[in-house]
Amino acid sequence: MALFAPKCDRCGNRTRNKEDDKPVCETCVEEMTLLVNASKEESRPCPRDGTNMAKEIAHMLVIDRCPDCGGVWLDGGELERLREGVQMEAIMATTRGLTSPLI
């Protein structure tokens, strides 16, 4: 048994999770699932300029973004989920800062 877990093929984080016998972290598996589901959704026109918006992943949410004007469209409940994700990341970063040794 190895002392360190292998690195995820997508992001390089250590993981013991495997997909198709390759190391892939759970975060990347979730992101890949979101991308597959997003590819099945219809493209929406931008409310501002009518250009078809592209699907992007942000904080594990699929958002629609206009390639021309840069506008972003969030579906119902996504703003709250985005806010919760950002707050959790800030809390985790603060906690890591408090637990790391002072230099």
N, C-alpha and C. Protein backbone atom coordinates (compact mmCIF):
# COMPACT_ATOMS: atom_id res chain seq x y z
N MET A 1 0.84 -1.18 0.00
CA MET A 1 0.00 0.00 0.00
C MET A 1 0.89 1.24 0.00
N ALA A 2 0.57 2.16 -0.90
CA ALA A 2 1.37 3.37 -1.02
C ALA A 2 1.08 4.33 0.13
N LEU A 3 2.10 5.06 0.52
CA LEU A 3 1.96 6.03 1.59
C LEU A 3 1.09 7.21 1.14
N PHE A 4 1.27 7.65 -0.10
CA PHE A 4 0.51 8.76 -0.65
C PHE A 4 -0.44 8.23 -1.72
N ALA A 5 -1.62 8.83 -1.78
CA ALA A 5 -2.59 8.45 -2.80
C ALA A 5 -2.11 8.96 -4.16
N PRO A 6 -2.51 8.30 -5.25
CA PRO A 6 -2.13 8.79 -6.57
C PRO A 6 -2.80 10.12 -6.87
N LYS A 7 -2.27 10.83 -7.86
CA LYS A 7 -2.82 12.13 -8.23
C LYS A 7 -3.93 11.96 -9.26
N CYS A 8 -4.95 12.83 -9.13
CA CYS A 8 -6.07 12.86 -10.08
C CYS A 8 -5.52 13.19 -11.47
N ASP A 9 -5.98 12.45 -12.48
CA ASP A 9 -5.53 12.68 -13.85
C ASP A 9 -5.94 14.05 -14.39
N ARG A 10 -7.00 14.65 -13.84
CA ARG A 10 -7.49 15.93 -14.35
C ARG A 10 -6.86 17.12 -13.64
N CYS A 11 -6.84 17.10 -12.30
CA CYS A 11 -6.42 18.31 -11.57
C CYS A 11 -5.13 18.14 -10.78
N GLY A 12 -4.70 16.93 -10.57
CA GLY A 12 -3.45 16.70 -9.86
C GLY A 12 -3.57 16.57 -8.35
N ASN A 13 -4.79 16.70 -7.80
CA ASN A 13 -4.98 16.51 -6.36
C ASN A 13 -4.89 15.03 -6.01
N ARG A 14 -4.40 14.76 -4.83
CA ARG A 14 -4.29 13.37 -4.38
C ARG A 14 -5.69 12.79 -4.14
N THR A 15 -5.88 11.53 -4.55
CA THR A 15 -7.18 10.88 -4.40
C THR A 15 -7.03 9.36 -4.36
N ARG A 16 -7.96 8.72 -3.71
CA ARG A 16 -8.02 7.27 -3.73
C ARG A 16 -9.20 6.81 -4.59
N ASN A 17 -9.96 7.78 -5.11
CA ASN A 17 -11.11 7.50 -5.98
C ASN A 17 -10.62 7.11 -7.37
N LYS A 18 -11.29 6.16 -8.01
CA LYS A 18 -10.92 5.75 -9.37
C LYS A 18 -12.15 5.67 -10.25
N GLU A 19 -11.98 6.05 -11.50
CA GLU A 19 -13.00 5.91 -12.54
C GLU A 19 -12.29 5.27 -13.72
N ASP A 20 -12.87 4.19 -14.25
CA ASP A 20 -12.25 3.45 -15.36
C ASP A 20 -10.80 3.09 -15.04
N ASP A 21 -10.55 2.71 -13.80
CA ASP A 21 -9.25 2.28 -13.30
C ASP A 21 -8.18 3.38 -13.36
N LYS A 22 -8.62 4.64 -13.40
CA LYS A 22 -7.69 5.78 -13.39
C LYS A 22 -8.03 6.65 -12.19
N PRO A 23 -7.03 7.25 -11.53
CA PRO A 23 -7.30 8.12 -10.38
C PRO A 23 -7.96 9.42 -10.82
N VAL A 24 -9.16 9.65 -10.29
CA VAL A 24 -9.91 10.88 -10.56
C VAL A 24 -10.60 11.28 -9.26
N CYS A 25 -10.37 12.51 -8.80
CA CYS A 25 -10.96 12.95 -7.53
C CYS A 25 -12.47 13.14 -7.68
N GLU A 26 -13.16 13.14 -6.54
CA GLU A 26 -14.62 13.26 -6.54
C GLU A 26 -15.07 14.60 -7.12
N THR A 27 -14.31 15.65 -6.88
CA THR A 27 -14.65 16.97 -7.42
C THR A 27 -14.65 16.94 -8.94
N CYS A 28 -13.64 16.31 -9.52
CA CYS A 28 -13.57 16.23 -10.99
C CYS A 28 -14.68 15.34 -11.55
N VAL A 29 -15.04 14.28 -10.83
CA VAL A 29 -16.15 13.41 -11.27
C VAL A 29 -17.44 14.23 -11.30
N GLU A 30 -17.68 15.03 -10.25
CA GLU A 30 -18.88 15.88 -10.20
C GLU A 30 -18.87 16.89 -11.34
N GLU A 31 -17.71 17.49 -11.59
CA GLU A 31 -17.60 18.48 -12.65
C GLU A 31 -17.85 17.85 -14.02
N MET A 32 -17.30 16.66 -14.25
CA MET A 32 -17.52 15.98 -15.52
C MET A 32 -18.99 15.64 -15.71
N THR A 33 -19.67 15.24 -14.63
CA THR A 33 -21.10 14.94 -14.70
C THR A 33 -21.89 16.20 -15.05
N LEU A 34 -21.52 17.33 -14.43
CA LEU A 34 -22.17 18.60 -14.75
C LEU A 34 -21.98 18.97 -16.22
N LEU A 35 -20.77 18.78 -16.72
CA LEU A 35 -20.50 19.11 -18.12
C LEU A 35 -21.31 18.25 -19.08
N VAL A 36 -21.42 16.95 -18.77
CA VAL A 36 -22.21 16.05 -19.62
C VAL A 36 -23.67 16.48 -19.60
N ASN A 37 -24.19 16.77 -18.41
CA ASN A 37 -25.59 17.21 -18.30
C ASN A 37 -25.81 18.54 -19.01
N ALA A 38 -24.84 19.45 -18.90
CA ALA A 38 -24.95 20.76 -19.55
C ALA A 38 -24.95 20.64 -21.06
N SER A 39 -24.21 19.67 -21.58
CA SER A 39 -24.15 19.51 -23.03
C SER A 39 -25.50 19.07 -23.61
N LYS A 40 -26.36 18.52 -22.76
CA LYS A 40 -27.69 18.08 -23.21
C LYS A 40 -28.72 19.21 -23.16
N GLU A 41 -28.40 20.31 -22.45
CA GLU A 41 -29.31 21.44 -22.35
C GLU A 41 -29.29 22.27 -23.62
N GLU A 42 -30.42 22.90 -23.89
CA GLU A 42 -30.50 23.80 -25.03
C GLU A 42 -29.73 25.08 -24.74
N SER A 43 -29.11 25.62 -25.76
CA SER A 43 -28.41 26.89 -25.62
C SER A 43 -29.44 28.01 -25.55
N ARG A 44 -29.22 28.96 -24.65
CA ARG A 44 -30.16 30.07 -24.47
C ARG A 44 -29.60 31.32 -25.14
N PRO A 45 -30.49 32.16 -25.67
CA PRO A 45 -30.01 33.43 -26.20
C PRO A 45 -29.77 34.42 -25.05
N CYS A 46 -28.77 35.23 -25.20
CA CYS A 46 -28.46 36.26 -24.20
C CYS A 46 -29.61 37.27 -24.16
N PRO A 47 -30.12 37.58 -22.96
CA PRO A 47 -31.20 38.56 -22.86
C PRO A 47 -30.79 39.97 -23.32
N ARG A 48 -29.50 40.22 -23.31
CA ARG A 48 -29.02 41.57 -23.66
C ARG A 48 -28.80 41.74 -25.16
N ASP A 49 -28.08 40.77 -25.80
CA ASP A 49 -27.75 40.97 -27.22
C ASP A 49 -28.19 39.82 -28.14
N GLY A 50 -28.82 38.77 -27.58
CA GLY A 50 -29.36 37.70 -28.40
C GLY A 50 -28.37 36.63 -28.84
N THR A 51 -27.09 36.76 -28.52
CA THR A 51 -26.08 35.76 -28.87
C THR A 51 -26.32 34.50 -28.05
N ASN A 52 -26.12 33.32 -28.66
CA ASN A 52 -26.26 32.08 -27.90
C ASN A 52 -25.19 32.01 -26.82
N MET A 53 -25.63 31.75 -25.59
CA MET A 53 -24.72 31.71 -24.46
C MET A 53 -24.04 30.35 -24.36
N ALA A 54 -22.82 30.34 -23.83
CA ALA A 54 -22.05 29.12 -23.64
C ALA A 54 -22.24 28.62 -22.21
N LYS A 55 -22.16 27.30 -22.02
CA LYS A 55 -22.26 26.69 -20.69
C LYS A 55 -20.87 26.68 -20.06
N GLU A 56 -20.79 27.09 -18.79
CA GLU A 56 -19.53 27.08 -18.04
C GLU A 56 -19.78 26.53 -16.65
N ILE A 57 -18.73 25.99 -16.04
CA ILE A 57 -18.81 25.49 -14.68
C ILE A 57 -18.17 26.53 -13.76
N ALA A 58 -18.90 26.92 -12.72
CA ALA A 58 -18.38 27.84 -11.71
C ALA A 58 -18.86 27.37 -10.36
N HIS A 59 -17.95 27.02 -9.48
CA HIS A 59 -18.29 26.53 -8.14
C HIS A 59 -19.28 25.38 -8.21
N MET A 60 -19.03 24.46 -9.13
CA MET A 60 -19.85 23.26 -9.31
C MET A 60 -21.29 23.58 -9.72
N LEU A 61 -21.47 24.67 -10.44
CA LEU A 61 -22.75 25.04 -11.02
C LEU A 61 -22.56 25.25 -12.51
N VAL A 62 -23.55 24.87 -13.30
CA VAL A 62 -23.52 25.15 -14.73
C VAL A 62 -24.19 26.50 -14.93
N ILE A 63 -23.44 27.44 -15.45
CA ILE A 63 -24.00 28.77 -15.70
C ILE A 63 -23.95 29.04 -17.20
N ASP A 64 -24.81 29.95 -17.65
CA ASP A 64 -24.82 30.37 -19.04
C ASP A 64 -24.11 31.72 -19.13
N ARG A 65 -23.14 31.80 -20.04
CA ARG A 65 -22.36 33.04 -20.18
C ARG A 65 -22.32 33.46 -21.63
N CYS A 66 -22.56 34.74 -21.87
CA CYS A 66 -22.54 35.27 -23.24
C CYS A 66 -21.10 35.50 -23.67
N PRO A 67 -20.69 34.92 -24.80
CA PRO A 67 -19.31 35.12 -25.26
C PRO A 67 -19.05 36.54 -25.76
N ASP A 68 -20.11 37.28 -26.13
CA ASP A 68 -19.91 38.64 -26.65
C ASP A 68 -19.87 39.70 -25.54
N CYS A 69 -20.94 39.76 -24.75
CA CYS A 69 -21.00 40.84 -23.74
C CYS A 69 -20.49 40.39 -22.37
N GLY A 70 -20.30 39.08 -22.16
CA GLY A 70 -19.79 38.58 -20.89
C GLY A 70 -20.85 38.45 -19.81
N GLY A 71 -22.12 38.70 -20.17
CA GLY A 71 -23.20 38.57 -19.21
C GLY A 71 -23.39 37.12 -18.76
N VAL A 72 -23.89 36.95 -17.55
CA VAL A 72 -24.07 35.63 -16.96
C VAL A 72 -25.54 35.45 -16.58
N TRP A 73 -26.09 34.27 -16.88
CA TRP A 73 -27.47 33.95 -16.54
C TRP A 73 -27.46 32.79 -15.56
N LEU A 74 -28.12 32.98 -14.41
CA LEU A 74 -28.23 31.93 -13.40
C LEU A 74 -29.66 31.43 -13.35
N ASP A 75 -29.84 30.12 -13.27
CA ASP A 75 -31.16 29.54 -13.12
C ASP A 75 -31.62 29.72 -11.68
N GLY A 76 -32.88 29.41 -11.42
CA GLY A 76 -33.45 29.56 -10.09
C GLY A 76 -32.65 28.80 -9.04
N GLY A 77 -32.33 29.46 -7.94
CA GLY A 77 -31.61 28.85 -6.83
C GLY A 77 -30.11 28.82 -6.97
N GLU A 78 -29.59 29.12 -8.17
CA GLU A 78 -28.14 29.03 -8.38
C GLU A 78 -27.38 30.15 -7.69
N LEU A 79 -27.95 31.32 -7.57
CA LEU A 79 -27.27 32.41 -6.88
C LEU A 79 -27.04 32.04 -5.41
N GLU A 80 -28.05 31.47 -4.79
CA GLU A 80 -27.92 31.05 -3.39
C GLU A 80 -26.87 29.96 -3.24
N ARG A 81 -26.89 28.98 -4.16
CA ARG A 81 -25.89 27.90 -4.11
C ARG A 81 -24.48 28.44 -4.34
N LEU A 82 -24.35 29.41 -5.24
CA LEU A 82 -23.06 30.03 -5.52
C LEU A 82 -22.57 30.78 -4.29
N ARG A 83 -23.45 31.53 -3.67
CA ARG A 83 -23.10 32.28 -2.46
C ARG A 83 -22.66 31.33 -1.35
N GLU A 84 -23.39 30.24 -1.14
CA GLU A 84 -23.04 29.27 -0.10
C GLU A 84 -21.67 28.64 -0.38
N GLY A 85 -21.40 28.33 -1.66
CA GLY A 85 -20.11 27.74 -2.02
C GLY A 85 -18.95 28.69 -1.77
N VAL A 86 -19.12 29.95 -2.10
CA VAL A 86 -18.07 30.94 -1.88
C VAL A 86 -17.84 31.14 -0.39
N GLN A 87 -18.93 31.21 0.38
CA GLN A 87 -18.79 31.37 1.83
C GLN A 87 -18.06 30.17 2.44
N MET A 88 -18.38 28.97 1.99
CA MET A 88 -17.73 27.77 2.52
C MET A 88 -16.24 27.77 2.18
N GLU A 89 -15.89 28.17 0.96
CA GLU A 89 -14.48 28.25 0.57
C GLU A 89 -13.74 29.27 1.43
N ALA A 90 -14.38 30.39 1.72
CA ALA A 90 -13.75 31.42 2.56
C ALA A 90 -13.54 30.89 3.98
N ILE A 91 -14.52 30.18 4.50
CA ILE A 91 -14.40 29.60 5.84
C ILE A 91 -13.26 28.59 5.87
N MET A 92 -13.19 27.74 4.85
CA MET A 92 -12.13 26.73 4.80
C MET A 92 -10.75 27.38 4.69
N ALA A 93 -10.64 28.42 3.89
CA ALA A 93 -9.35 29.12 3.74
C ALA A 93 -8.93 29.77 5.05
N THR A 94 -9.90 30.36 5.75
CA THR A 94 -9.61 30.98 7.04
C THR A 94 -9.18 29.93 8.06
N THR A 95 -9.87 28.81 8.06
CA THR A 95 -9.54 27.74 9.00
C THR A 95 -8.15 27.18 8.73
N ARG A 96 -7.83 27.01 7.46
CA ARG A 96 -6.49 26.52 7.11
C ARG A 96 -5.44 27.51 7.58
N GLY A 97 -5.73 28.80 7.44
CA GLY A 97 -4.80 29.83 7.88
C GLY A 97 -4.57 29.83 9.37
N LEU A 98 -5.62 29.50 10.11
CA LEU A 98 -5.52 29.47 11.58
C LEU A 98 -4.81 28.22 12.08
N THR A 99 -4.88 27.14 11.32
CA THR A 99 -4.29 25.88 11.78
C THR A 99 -2.87 25.67 11.26
N SER A 100 -2.44 26.45 10.27
CA SER A 100 -1.08 26.28 9.76
C SER A 100 -0.09 26.91 10.73
N PRO A 101 1.10 26.37 10.83
CA PRO A 101 2.09 26.91 11.76
C PRO A 101 2.54 28.31 11.35
N LEU A 102 2.79 29.13 12.33
CA LEU A 102 3.29 30.48 12.06
C LEU A 102 4.76 30.43 11.71
N ILE A 103 5.14 31.23 10.75
CA ILE A 103 6.55 31.25 10.32
C ILE A 103 7.17 32.56 10.71
